[in-house]
């Protein structure tokens, strides 16, 4: 497998990513989600079912195996990790500086 410095680097990168996502959460964001439960269910279904299924299909279609295949499926199975929309806030408003003001 990989060396200890590579493993440590990957763990630190994962922790940094999780902290970045966690610090962006607000009470307002959760309030908006309570008002739109269908959107929440649709997003959860996409993150938990559709994205991992596409990753499995990709891995099988390309004939990948071993750590590379496991890594792709694992990354896809992390809800919202690499597939979350960074251009919108939970309230649906665009971030400052974005297009369509």
Protein backbone atom coordinates (compact mmCIF):
# COMPACT_ATOMS: atom_id res chain seq x y z
CA UNK A 1 0.00 0.00 0.00
CA UNK A 2 1.06 3.60 0.55
CA UNK A 3 3.76 4.98 2.76
CA UNK A 4 3.16 6.56 6.16
CA UNK A 5 3.69 10.18 4.96
CA UNK A 6 1.17 9.69 2.13
CA UNK A 7 -1.38 8.16 4.50
CA UNK A 8 -0.86 10.97 7.00
CA UNK A 9 -1.25 13.57 4.24
CA UNK A 10 -4.50 12.01 3.06
CA UNK A 11 -5.89 11.89 6.60
CA UNK A 12 -4.99 15.56 7.18
CA UNK A 13 -6.59 16.53 3.88
CA UNK A 14 -9.78 14.66 4.81
CA UNK A 15 -9.92 16.32 8.24
CA UNK A 16 -9.36 19.77 6.70
CA UNK A 17 -12.16 19.16 4.20
CA UNK A 18 -14.57 18.02 6.92
CA UNK A 19 -13.75 21.05 9.08
CA UNK A 20 -14.27 23.40 6.14
CA UNK A 21 -17.70 21.96 5.40
CA UNK A 22 -18.67 21.97 9.08
CA UNK A 23 -17.78 25.62 9.60
CA UNK A 24 -20.05 26.63 6.70
CA UNK A 25 -23.19 25.26 8.41
CA UNK A 26 -25.58 27.78 9.96
CA UNK A 27 -28.82 27.58 11.90
CA UNK A 28 -30.54 29.41 9.02
CA UNK A 29 -29.50 26.63 6.66
CA UNK A 30 -31.16 23.99 8.82
CA UNK A 31 -34.30 26.12 9.15
CA UNK A 32 -34.60 26.36 5.37
CA UNK A 33 -34.25 22.60 5.06
CA UNK A 34 -37.09 22.05 7.53
CA UNK A 35 -39.35 24.13 5.27
CA UNK A 36 -38.39 22.12 2.15
CA UNK A 37 -38.35 18.45 3.17
CA UNK A 38 -38.85 17.13 -0.39
CA UNK A 39 -35.70 18.89 -1.55
CA UNK A 40 -33.83 17.40 1.39
CA UNK A 41 -35.06 13.88 0.60
CA UNK A 42 -34.20 14.26 -3.11
CA UNK A 43 -30.69 15.51 -2.30
CA UNK A 44 -30.14 12.72 0.23
CA UNK A 45 -31.30 10.10 -2.28
CA UNK A 46 -28.92 11.48 -4.88
CA UNK A 47 -25.99 11.52 -2.44
CA UNK A 48 -26.65 8.12 -0.89
CA UNK A 49 -27.92 6.10 -3.86
CA UNK A 50 -27.35 7.71 -7.26
CA UNK A 51 -23.77 8.99 -6.94
CA UNK A 52 -22.36 5.74 -5.47
CA UNK A 53 -24.25 3.73 -8.12
CA UNK A 54 -22.68 5.83 -10.87
CA UNK A 55 -19.25 5.28 -9.26
CA UNK A 56 -19.76 1.51 -9.17
CA UNK A 57 -20.89 1.55 -12.80
CA UNK A 58 -17.83 3.63 -13.74
CA UNK A 59 -15.45 1.31 -11.89
CA UNK A 60 -17.03 -1.76 -13.51
CA UNK A 61 -17.20 -0.15 -16.95
CA UNK A 62 -13.53 0.82 -16.89
CA UNK A 63 -12.48 -2.54 -15.42
CA UNK A 64 -10.77 -0.95 -12.42
CA UNK A 65 -9.90 -2.99 -9.36
CA UNK A 66 -7.97 -2.77 -6.13
CA UNK A 67 -7.30 0.43 -4.19
CA UNK A 68 -8.20 2.72 -7.09
CA UNK A 69 -11.66 1.18 -7.47
CA UNK A 70 -12.21 1.21 -3.70
CA UNK A 71 -11.12 4.85 -3.49
CA UNK A 72 -13.48 5.98 -6.23
CA UNK A 73 -16.47 4.18 -4.70
CA UNK A 74 -15.56 5.36 -1.19
CA UNK A 75 -15.26 8.99 -2.30
CA UNK A 76 -18.61 8.74 -4.07
CA UNK A 77 -20.23 7.18 -1.00
CA UNK A 78 -19.24 10.13 1.21
CA UNK A 79 -22.48 12.16 1.05
CA UNK A 80 -21.88 15.63 -0.35
CA UNK A 81 -18.12 15.31 -0.06
CA UNK A 82 -16.93 15.96 -3.56
CA UNK A 83 -20.28 16.39 -5.21
CA UNK A 84 -21.88 19.10 -3.09
CA UNK A 85 -22.84 22.30 -4.85
CA UNK A 86 -20.42 25.01 -3.83
CA UNK A 87 -22.12 27.73 -5.82
CA UNK A 88 -25.29 27.92 -3.71
CA UNK A 89 -26.09 28.31 -0.07
CA UNK A 90 -28.78 26.15 1.59
CA UNK A 91 -31.21 29.06 1.34
CA UNK A 92 -30.86 29.07 -2.45
CA UNK A 93 -29.19 32.48 -2.57
CA UNK A 94 -26.03 32.85 -4.59
CA UNK A 95 -22.80 33.74 -2.84
CA UNK A 96 -21.47 37.24 -3.07
CA UNK A 97 -19.52 37.84 -6.20
CA UNK A 98 -21.33 35.10 -8.13
CA UNK A 99 -23.10 35.66 -11.40
CA UNK A 100 -26.82 36.44 -11.57
CA UNK A 101 -26.99 39.05 -8.83
